[in-house]
Amino acid sequence: MKAVITVIGKDMVGILARVSATCAESNANVIEVTQSVLQDYFAMIMIVEVNKMNCELDELKKRLADNVPDMIIHVMHEDIFNSMHRI
């Protein structure tokens, strides 16, 4: 099973490091990541494996919000993400 993590906000040093460290602490394996900086704004989409996580997705989102303040963070199971984006 996979989840999609999105992170958006003002660019600052260490965002990717803090998000990936939080995923590692939660035993969520980062499979793929794409990021961009548009002027002063940071945007990232990350796909993570959640089969062996040591917490629920809601707890992962809380941990991410605590470790990366001032960013908009969404964590969504891939099934929900796919259902929302079907034509």
PDB file of N, CA and C in Angstrom:
ATOM      1  N   MET A   1       0.836  -1.174   0.000  1.00  0.00           N
ATOM      2  CA  MET A   1       0.000   0.000   0.000  1.00  0.00           C
ATOM      3  C   MET A   1       0.883   1.239   0.000  1.00  0.00           C
ATOM      4  N   LYS A   2       0.353   2.274  -0.626  1.00  0.00           N
ATOM      5  CA  LYS A   2       1.109   3.520  -0.739  1.00  0.00           C
ATOM      6  C   LYS A   2       0.250   4.685  -0.276  1.00  0.00           C
ATOM      7  N   ALA A   3       0.937   5.791   0.001  1.00  0.00           N
ATOM      8  CA  ALA A   3       0.265   7.039   0.338  1.00  0.00           C
ATOM      9  C   ALA A   3       0.942   8.168  -0.420  1.00  0.00           C
ATOM     10  N   VAL A   4       0.189   9.234  -0.619  1.00  0.00           N
ATOM     11  CA  VAL A   4       0.693  10.432  -1.282  1.00  0.00           C
ATOM     12  C   VAL A   4       0.814  11.523  -0.228  1.00  0.00           C
ATOM     13  N   ILE A   5       1.982  12.136  -0.151  1.00  0.00           N
ATOM     14  CA  ILE A   5       2.219  13.257   0.766  1.00  0.00           C
ATOM     15  C   ILE A   5       2.485  14.485  -0.083  1.00  0.00           C
ATOM     16  N   THR A   6       1.770  15.573   0.200  1.00  0.00           N
ATOM     17  CA  THR A   6       2.049  16.838  -0.478  1.00  0.00           C
ATOM     18  C   THR A   6       2.451  17.872   0.569  1.00  0.00           C
ATOM     19  N   VAL A   7       3.415  18.698   0.207  1.00  0.00           N
ATOM     20  CA  VAL A   7       3.919  19.744   1.099  1.00  0.00           C
ATOM     21  C   VAL A   7       4.034  21.024   0.278  1.00  0.00           C
ATOM     22  N   ILE A   8       3.396  22.101   0.756  1.00  0.00           N
ATOM     23  CA  ILE A   8       3.422  23.373   0.041  1.00  0.00           C
ATOM     24  C   ILE A   8       3.594  24.498   1.047  1.00  0.00           C
ATOM     25  N   GLY A   9       4.413  25.473   0.711  1.00  0.00           N
ATOM     26  CA  GLY A   9       4.581  26.638   1.569  1.00  0.00           C
ATOM     27  C   GLY A   9       5.781  27.456   1.170  1.00  0.00           C
ATOM     28  N   LYS A  10       6.113  28.437   1.988  1.00  0.00           N
ATOM     29  CA  LYS A  10       7.278  29.287   1.746  1.00  0.00           C
ATOM     30  C   LYS A  10       8.537  28.437   1.804  1.00  0.00           C
ATOM     31  N   ASP A  11       9.437  28.647   0.873  1.00  0.00           N
ATOM     32  CA  ASP A  11      10.670  27.871   0.831  1.00  0.00           C
ATOM     33  C   ASP A  11      11.555  28.213   2.024  1.00  0.00           C
ATOM     34  N   MET A  12      12.188  27.163   2.576  1.00  0.00           N
ATOM     35  CA  MET A  12      13.160  27.341   3.653  1.00  0.00           C
ATOM     36  C   MET A  12      14.101  26.146   3.637  1.00  0.00           C
ATOM     37  N   VAL A  13      15.206  26.276   4.287  1.00  0.00           N
ATOM     38  CA  VAL A  13      16.219  25.227   4.309  1.00  0.00           C
ATOM     39  C   VAL A  13      15.703  24.020   5.104  1.00  0.00           C
ATOM     40  N   GLY A  14      15.903  22.810   4.553  1.00  0.00           N
ATOM     41  CA  GLY A  14      15.675  21.592   5.312  1.00  0.00           C
ATOM     42  C   GLY A  14      14.308  20.954   5.212  1.00  0.00           C
ATOM     43  N   ILE A  15      13.440  21.446   4.340  1.00  0.00           N
ATOM     44  CA  ILE A  15      12.092  20.874   4.260  1.00  0.00           C
ATOM     45  C   ILE A  15      12.154  19.400   3.875  1.00  0.00           C
ATOM     46  N   LEU A  16      12.828  19.095   2.788  1.00  0.00           N
ATOM     47  CA  LEU A  16      12.914  17.709   2.324  1.00  0.00           C
ATOM     48  C   LEU A  16      13.555  16.818   3.383  1.00  0.00           C
ATOM     49  N   ALA A  17      14.588  17.310   4.049  1.00  0.00           N
ATOM     50  CA  ALA A  17      15.268  16.534   5.087  1.00  0.00           C
ATOM     51  C   ALA A  17      14.324  16.224   6.240  1.00  0.00           C
ATOM     52  N   ARG A  18      13.550  17.206   6.683  1.00  0.00           N
ATOM     53  CA  ARG A  18      12.639  16.983   7.817  1.00  0.00           C
ATOM     54  C   ARG A  18      11.489  16.053   7.448  1.00  0.00           C
ATOM     55  N   VAL A  19      10.953  16.208   6.236  1.00  0.00           N
ATOM     56  CA  VAL A  19       9.856  15.332   5.813  1.00  0.00           C
ATOM     57  C   VAL A  19      10.355  13.889   5.677  1.00  0.00           C
ATOM     58  N   SER A  20      11.485  13.702   5.006  1.00  0.00           N
ATOM     59  CA  SER A  20      11.995  12.337   4.821  1.00  0.00           C
ATOM     60  C   SER A  20      12.431  11.712   6.147  1.00  0.00           C
ATOM     61  N   ALA A  21      12.990  12.499   7.073  1.00  0.00           N
ATOM     62  CA  ALA A  21      13.367  11.970   8.391  1.00  0.00           C
ATOM     63  C   ALA A  21      12.126  11.536   9.174  1.00  0.00           C
ATOM     64  N   THR A  22      11.069  12.315   9.093  1.00  0.00           N
ATOM     65  CA  THR A  22       9.826  11.959   9.774  1.00  0.00           C
ATOM     66  C   THR A  22       9.240  10.684   9.185  1.00  0.00           C
ATOM     67  N   CYS A  23       9.308  10.551   7.871  1.00  0.00           N
ATOM     68  CA  CYS A  23       8.838   9.311   7.227  1.00  0.00           C
ATOM     69  C   CYS A  23       9.678   8.124   7.708  1.00  0.00           C
ATOM     70  N   ALA A  24      10.987   8.294   7.776  1.00  0.00           N
ATOM     71  CA  ALA A  24      11.870   7.216   8.223  1.00  0.00           C
ATOM     72  C   ALA A  24      11.561   6.818   9.667  1.00  0.00           C
ATOM     73  N   GLU A  25      11.347   7.800  10.532  1.00  0.00           N
ATOM     74  CA  GLU A  25      11.009   7.521  11.931  1.00  0.00           C
ATOM     75  C   GLU A  25       9.688   6.772  12.046  1.00  0.00           C
ATOM     76  N   SER A  26       8.796   6.990  11.091  1.00  0.00           N
ATOM     77  CA  SER A  26       7.486   6.331  11.086  1.00  0.00           C
ATOM     78  C   SER A  26       7.516   5.027  10.298  1.00  0.00           C
ATOM     79  N   ASN A  27       8.682   4.682   9.766  1.00  0.00           N
ATOM     80  CA  ASN A  27       8.885   3.472   8.960  1.00  0.00           C
ATOM     81  C   ASN A  27       8.084   3.501   7.657  1.00  0.00           C
ATOM     82  N   ALA A  28       7.905   4.700   7.113  1.00  0.00           N
ATOM     83  CA  ALA A  28       7.276   4.879   5.803  1.00  0.00           C
ATOM     84  C   ALA A  28       8.401   5.022   4.781  1.00  0.00           C
ATOM     85  N   ASN A  29       8.461   4.121   3.832  1.00  0.00           N
ATOM     86  CA  ASN A  29       9.547   4.098   2.860  1.00  0.00           C
ATOM     87  C   ASN A  29       9.253   5.046   1.695  1.00  0.00           C
ATOM     88  N   VAL A  30      10.127   6.013   1.479  1.00  0.00           N
ATOM     89  CA  VAL A  30       9.956   6.960   0.373  1.00  0.00           C
ATOM     90  C   VAL A  30      10.316   6.255  -0.928  1.00  0.00           C
ATOM     91  N   ILE A  31       9.351   6.203  -1.850  1.00  0.00           N
ATOM     92  CA  ILE A  31       9.547   5.537  -3.138  1.00  0.00           C
ATOM     93  C   ILE A  31       9.925   6.549  -4.221  1.00  0.00           C
ATOM     94  N   GLU A  32       9.220   7.660  -4.211  1.00  0.00           N
ATOM     95  CA  GLU A  32       9.427   8.649  -5.268  1.00  0.00           C
ATOM     96  C   GLU A  32       9.132  10.028  -4.716  1.00  0.00           C
ATOM     97  N   VAL A  33       9.877  11.011  -5.197  1.00  0.00           N
ATOM     98  CA  VAL A  33       9.654  12.383  -4.754  1.00  0.00           C
ATOM     99  C   VAL A  33       9.928  13.344  -5.900  1.00  0.00           C
ATOM    100  N   THR A  34       9.108  14.367  -5.985  1.00  0.00           N
ATOM    101  CA  THR A  34       9.351  15.455  -6.924  1.00  0.00           C
ATOM    102  C   THR A  34       9.129  16.750  -6.154  1.00  0.00           C
ATOM    103  N   GLN A  35       9.977  17.718  -6.420  1.00  0.00           N
ATOM    104  CA  GLN A  35       9.857  19.001  -5.731  1.00  0.00           C
ATOM    105  C   GLN A  35      10.217  20.126  -6.669  1.00  0.00           C
ATOM    106  N   SER A  36       9.653  21.278  -6.380  1.00  0.00           N
ATOM    107  CA  SER A  36       9.947  22.482  -7.156  1.00  0.00           C
ATOM    108  C   SER A  36       9.964  23.675  -6.230  1.00  0.00           C
ATOM    109  N   VAL A  37      10.748  24.655  -6.602  1.00  0.00           N
ATOM    110  CA  VAL A  37      10.709  25.947  -5.939  1.00  0.00           C
ATOM    111  C   VAL A  37      10.292  26.942  -7.003  1.00  0.00           C
ATOM    112  N   LEU A  38       9.154  27.575  -6.779  1.00  0.00           N
ATOM    113  CA  LEU A  38       8.614  28.565  -7.698  1.00  0.00           C
ATOM    114  C   LEU A  38       8.662  29.917  -6.994  1.00  0.00           C
ATOM    115  N   GLN A  39       9.565  30.768  -7.445  1.00  0.00           N
ATOM    116  CA  GLN A  39       9.875  32.023  -6.760  1.00  0.00           C
ATOM    117  C   GLN A  39      10.232  31.681  -5.315  1.00  0.00           C
ATOM    118  N   ASP A  40       9.426  32.068  -4.345  1.00  0.00           N
ATOM    119  CA  ASP A  40       9.735  31.803  -2.941  1.00  0.00           C
ATOM    120  C   ASP A  40       8.919  30.648  -2.366  1.00  0.00           C
ATOM    121  N   TYR A  41       8.229  29.884  -3.220  1.00  0.00           N
ATOM    122  CA  TYR A  41       7.335  28.836  -2.739  1.00  0.00           C
ATOM    123  C   TYR A  41       7.868  27.450  -3.066  1.00  0.00           C
ATOM    124  N   PHE A  42       7.747  26.569  -2.089  1.00  0.00           N
ATOM    125  CA  PHE A  42       8.202  25.180  -2.197  1.00  0.00           C
ATOM    126  C   PHE A  42       6.983  24.298  -2.401  1.00  0.00           C
ATOM    127  N   ALA A  43       7.078  23.340  -3.336  1.00  0.00           N
ATOM    128  CA  ALA A  43       6.004  22.371  -3.568  1.00  0.00           C
ATOM    129  C   ALA A  43       6.637  20.997  -3.745  1.00  0.00           C
ATOM    130  N   MET A  44       6.084  20.008  -3.056  1.00  0.00           N
ATOM    131  CA  MET A  44       6.629  18.656  -3.138  1.00  0.00           C
ATOM    132  C   MET A  44       5.503  17.639  -3.114  1.00  0.00           C
ATOM    133  N   ILE A  45       5.668  16.590  -3.912  1.00  0.00           N
ATOM    134  CA  ILE A  45       4.794  15.423  -3.873  1.00  0.00           C
ATOM    135  C   ILE A  45       5.684  14.221  -3.631  1.00  0.00           C
ATOM    136  N   MET A  46       5.282  13.410  -2.671  1.00  0.00           N
ATOM    137  CA  MET A  46       6.073  12.251  -2.280  1.00  0.00           C
ATOM    138  C   MET A  46       5.156  11.021  -2.257  1.00  0.00           C
ATOM    139  N   ILE A  47       5.643   9.914  -2.815  1.00  0.00           N
ATOM    140  CA  ILE A  47       4.929   8.639  -2.723  1.00  0.00           C
ATOM    141  C   ILE A  47       5.692   7.789  -1.711  1.00  0.00           C
ATOM    142  N   VAL A  48       4.971   7.249  -0.725  1.00  0.00           N
ATOM    143  CA  VAL A  48       5.606   6.428   0.303  1.00  0.00           C
ATOM    144  C   VAL A  48       4.870   5.106   0.456  1.00  0.00           C
ATOM    145  N   GLU A  49       5.621   4.058   0.772  1.00  0.00           N
ATOM    146  CA  GLU A  49       5.022   2.770   1.123  1.00  0.00           C
ATOM    147  C   GLU A  49       4.640   2.828   2.594  1.00  0.00           C
ATOM    148  N   VAL A  50       3.422   2.374   2.903  1.00  0.00           N
ATOM    149  CA  VAL A  50       2.930   2.481   4.276  1.00  0.00           C
ATOM    150  C   VAL A  50       2.648   1.119   4.915  1.00  0.00           C
ATOM    151  N   ASN A  51       2.989   0.032   4.223  1.00  0.00           N
ATOM    152  CA  ASN A  51       2.696  -1.321   4.733  1.00  0.00           C
ATOM    153  C   ASN A  51       3.287  -1.575   6.110  1.00  0.00           C
ATOM    154  N   LYS A  52       4.478  -1.082   6.364  1.00  0.00           N
ATOM    155  CA  LYS A  52       5.192  -1.401   7.596  1.00  0.00           C
ATOM    156  C   LYS A  52       5.298  -0.211   8.545  1.00  0.00           C
ATOM    157  N   MET A  53       4.437   0.783   8.346  1.00  0.00           N
ATOM    158  CA  MET A  53       4.495   1.964   9.201  1.00  0.00           C
ATOM    159  C   MET A  53       4.169   1.607  10.647  1.00  0.00           C
ATOM    160  N   ASN A  54       4.755   2.348  11.581  1.00  0.00           N
ATOM    161  CA  ASN A  54       4.509   2.114  12.998  1.00  0.00           C
ATOM    162  C   ASN A  54       3.452   3.061  13.560  1.00  0.00           C
ATOM    163  N   CYS A  55       2.667   3.694  12.663  1.00  0.00           N
ATOM    164  CA  CYS A  55       1.582   4.584  13.077  1.00  0.00           C
ATOM    165  C   CYS A  55       0.535   4.626  11.963  1.00  0.00           C
ATOM    166  N   GLU A  56      -0.589   5.244  12.247  1.00  0.00           N
ATOM    167  CA  GLU A  56      -1.639   5.437  11.245  1.00  0.00           C
ATOM    168  C   GLU A  56      -1.314   6.673  10.398  1.00  0.00           C
ATOM    169  N   LEU A  57      -1.989   6.803   9.258  1.00  0.00           N
ATOM    170  CA  LEU A  57      -1.740   7.954   8.378  1.00  0.00           C
ATOM    171  C   LEU A  57      -2.016   9.286   9.076  1.00  0.00           C
ATOM    172  N   ASP A  58      -3.063   9.338   9.893  1.00  0.00           N
ATOM    173  CA  ASP A  58      -3.364  10.582  10.618  1.00  0.00           C
ATOM    174  C   ASP A  58      -2.230  10.965  11.560  1.00  0.00           C
ATOM    175  N   GLU A  59      -1.634   9.970  12.189  1.00  0.00           N
ATOM    176  CA  GLU A  59      -0.507  10.234  13.092  1.00  0.00           C
ATOM    177  C   GLU A  59       0.714  10.701  12.297  1.00  0.00           C
ATOM    178  N   LEU A  60       0.946  10.111  11.118  1.00  0.00           N
ATOM    179  CA  LEU A  60       2.046  10.558  10.266  1.00  0.00           C
ATOM    180  C   LEU A  60       1.857  12.024   9.897  1.00  0.00           C
ATOM    181  N   LYS A  61       0.643  12.386   9.528  1.00  0.00           N
ATOM    182  CA  LYS A  61       0.364  13.784   9.172  1.00  0.00           C
ATOM    183  C   LYS A  61       0.649  14.710  10.356  1.00  0.00           C
ATOM    184  N   LYS A  62       0.250  14.303  11.553  1.00  0.00           N
ATOM    185  CA  LYS A  62       0.506  15.114  12.752  1.00  0.00           C
ATOM    186  C   LYS A  62       2.007  15.257  12.998  1.00  0.00           C
ATOM    187  N   ARG A  63       2.736  14.149  12.864  1.00  0.00           N
ATOM    188  CA  ARG A  63       4.191  14.198  13.051  1.00  0.00           C
ATOM    189  C   ARG A  63       4.846  15.135  12.039  1.00  0.00           C
ATOM    190  N   LEU A  64       4.386  15.058  10.792  1.00  0.00           N
ATOM    191  CA  LEU A  64       4.930  15.930   9.747  1.00  0.00           C
ATOM    192  C   LEU A  64       4.639  17.396  10.064  1.00  0.00           C
ATOM    193  N   ALA A  65       3.396  17.671  10.477  1.00  0.00           N
ATOM    194  CA  ALA A  65       3.021  19.054  10.809  1.00  0.00           C
ATOM    195  C   ALA A  65       3.853  19.580  11.973  1.00  0.00           C
ATOM    196  N   ASP A  66       4.141  18.725  12.947  1.00  0.00           N
ATOM    197  CA  ASP A  66       4.960  19.139  14.092  1.00  0.00           C
ATOM    198  C   ASP A  66       6.413  19.402  13.681  1.00  0.00           C
ATOM    199  N   ASN A  67       6.926  18.604  12.746  1.00  0.00           N
ATOM    200  CA  ASN A  67       8.339  18.708  12.348  1.00  0.00           C
ATOM    201  C   ASN A  67       8.588  19.708  11.227  1.00  0.00           C
ATOM    202  N   VAL A  68       7.538  20.074  10.502  1.00  0.00           N
ATOM    203  CA  VAL A  68       7.678  21.026   9.392  1.00  0.00           C
ATOM    204  C   VAL A  68       6.578  22.083   9.538  1.00  0.00           C
ATOM    205  N   PRO A  69       6.722  22.968  10.522  1.00  0.00           N
ATOM    206  CA  PRO A  69       5.665  23.965  10.751  1.00  0.00           C
ATOM    207  C   PRO A  69       5.578  24.964   9.607  1.00  0.00           C
ATOM    208  N   ASP A  70       4.459  25.637   9.544  1.00  0.00           N
ATOM    209  CA  ASP A  70       4.217  26.695   8.554  1.00  0.00           C
ATOM    210  C   ASP A  70       4.116  26.181   7.122  1.00  0.00           C
ATOM    211  N   MET A  71       3.874  24.882   6.956  1.00  0.00           N
ATOM    212  CA  MET A  71       3.678  24.310   5.627  1.00  0.00           C
ATOM    213  C   MET A  71       2.289  23.671   5.583  1.00  0.00           C
ATOM    214  N   ILE A  72       1.697  23.615   4.405  1.00  0.00           N
ATOM    215  CA  ILE A  72       0.436  22.899   4.225  1.00  0.00           C
ATOM    216  C   ILE A  72       0.793  21.477   3.821  1.00  0.00           C
ATOM    217  N   ILE A  73       0.389  20.515   4.637  1.00  0.00           N
ATOM    218  CA  ILE A  73       0.765  19.120   4.412  1.00  0.00           C
ATOM    219  C   ILE A  73      -0.489  18.265   4.342  1.00  0.00           C
ATOM    220  N   HIS A  74      -0.561  17.433   3.303  1.00  0.00           N
ATOM    221  CA  HIS A  74      -1.648  16.468   3.162  1.00  0.00           C
ATOM    222  C   HIS A  74      -1.035  15.078   3.049  1.00  0.00           C
ATOM    223  N   VAL A  75      -1.672  14.116   3.702  1.00  0.00           N
ATOM    224  CA  VAL A  75      -1.273  12.714   3.613  1.00  0.00           C
ATOM    225  C   VAL A  75      -2.531  11.941   3.256  1.00  0.00           C
ATOM    226  N   MET A  76      -2.480  11.221   2.138  1.00  0.00           N
ATOM    227  CA  MET A  76      -3.669  10.547   1.646  1.00  0.00           C
ATOM    228  C   MET A  76      -3.315   9.156   1.125  1.00  0.00           C
ATOM    229  N   HIS A  77      -4.101   8.168   1.521  1.00  0.00           N
ATOM    230  CA  HIS A  77      -3.913   6.816   1.008  1.00  0.00           C
ATOM    231  C   HIS A  77      -4.082   6.840  -0.505  1.00  0.00           C
ATOM    232  N   GLU A  78      -3.301   6.043  -1.219  1.00  0.00           N
ATOM    233  CA  GLU A  78      -3.331   6.073  -2.683  1.00  0.00           C
ATOM    234  C   GLU A  78      -4.701   5.732  -3.248  1.00  0.00           C
ATOM    235  N   ASP A  79      -5.473   4.861  -2.590  1.00  0.00           N
ATOM    236  CA  ASP A  79      -6.807   4.508  -3.092  1.00  0.00           C
ATOM    237  C   ASP A  79      -7.734   5.721  -3.088  1.00  0.00           C
ATOM    238  N   ILE A  80      -7.669   6.509  -2.037  1.00  0.00           N
ATOM    239  CA  ILE A  80      -8.478   7.726  -1.953  1.00  0.00           C
ATOM    240  C   ILE A  80      -8.004   8.732  -2.979  1.00  0.00           C
ATOM    241  N   PHE A  81      -6.696   8.909  -3.086  1.00  0.00           N
ATOM    242  CA  PHE A  81      -6.134   9.840  -4.068  1.00  0.00           C
ATOM    243  C   PHE A  81      -6.575   9.460  -5.485  1.00  0.00           C
ATOM    244  N   ASN A  82      -6.463   8.175  -5.823  1.00  0.00           N
ATOM    245  CA  ASN A  82      -6.859   7.712  -7.153  1.00  0.00           C
ATOM    246  C   ASN A  82      -8.357   7.906  -7.401  1.00  0.00           C
ATOM    247  N   SER A  83      -9.174   7.639  -6.399  1.00  0.00           N
ATOM    248  CA  SER A  83     -10.625   7.816  -6.547  1.00  0.00           C
ATOM    249  C   SER A  83     -10.994   9.270  -6.776  1.00  0.00           C
ATOM    250  N   MET A  84     -10.292  10.174  -6.120  1.00  0.00           N
ATOM    251  CA  MET A  84     -10.573  11.600  -6.266  1.00  0.00           C
ATOM    252  C   MET A  84     -10.163  12.136  -7.637  1.00  0.00           C
ATOM    253  N   HIS A  85      -9.237  11.458  -8.306  1.00  0.00           N
ATOM    254  CA  HIS A  85      -8.701  11.991  -9.548  1.00  0.00           C
ATOM    255  C   HIS A  85      -9.065  11.173 -10.777  1.00  0.00           C
ATOM    256  N   ARG A  86     -10.125  10.407 -10.665  1.00  0.00           N
ATOM    257  CA  ARG A  86     -10.620   9.658 -11.832  1.00  0.00           C
ATOM    258  C   ARG A  86     -11.528  10.536 -12.654  1.00  0.00           C
ATOM    259  N   ILE A  87     -11.475  10.328 -13.948  1.00  0.00           N
ATOM    260  CA  ILE A  87     -12.354  11.087 -14.853  1.00  0.00           C
ATOM    261  C   ILE A  87     -13.670  10.363 -14.980  1.00  0.00           C
TER     262      ILE A  87
END
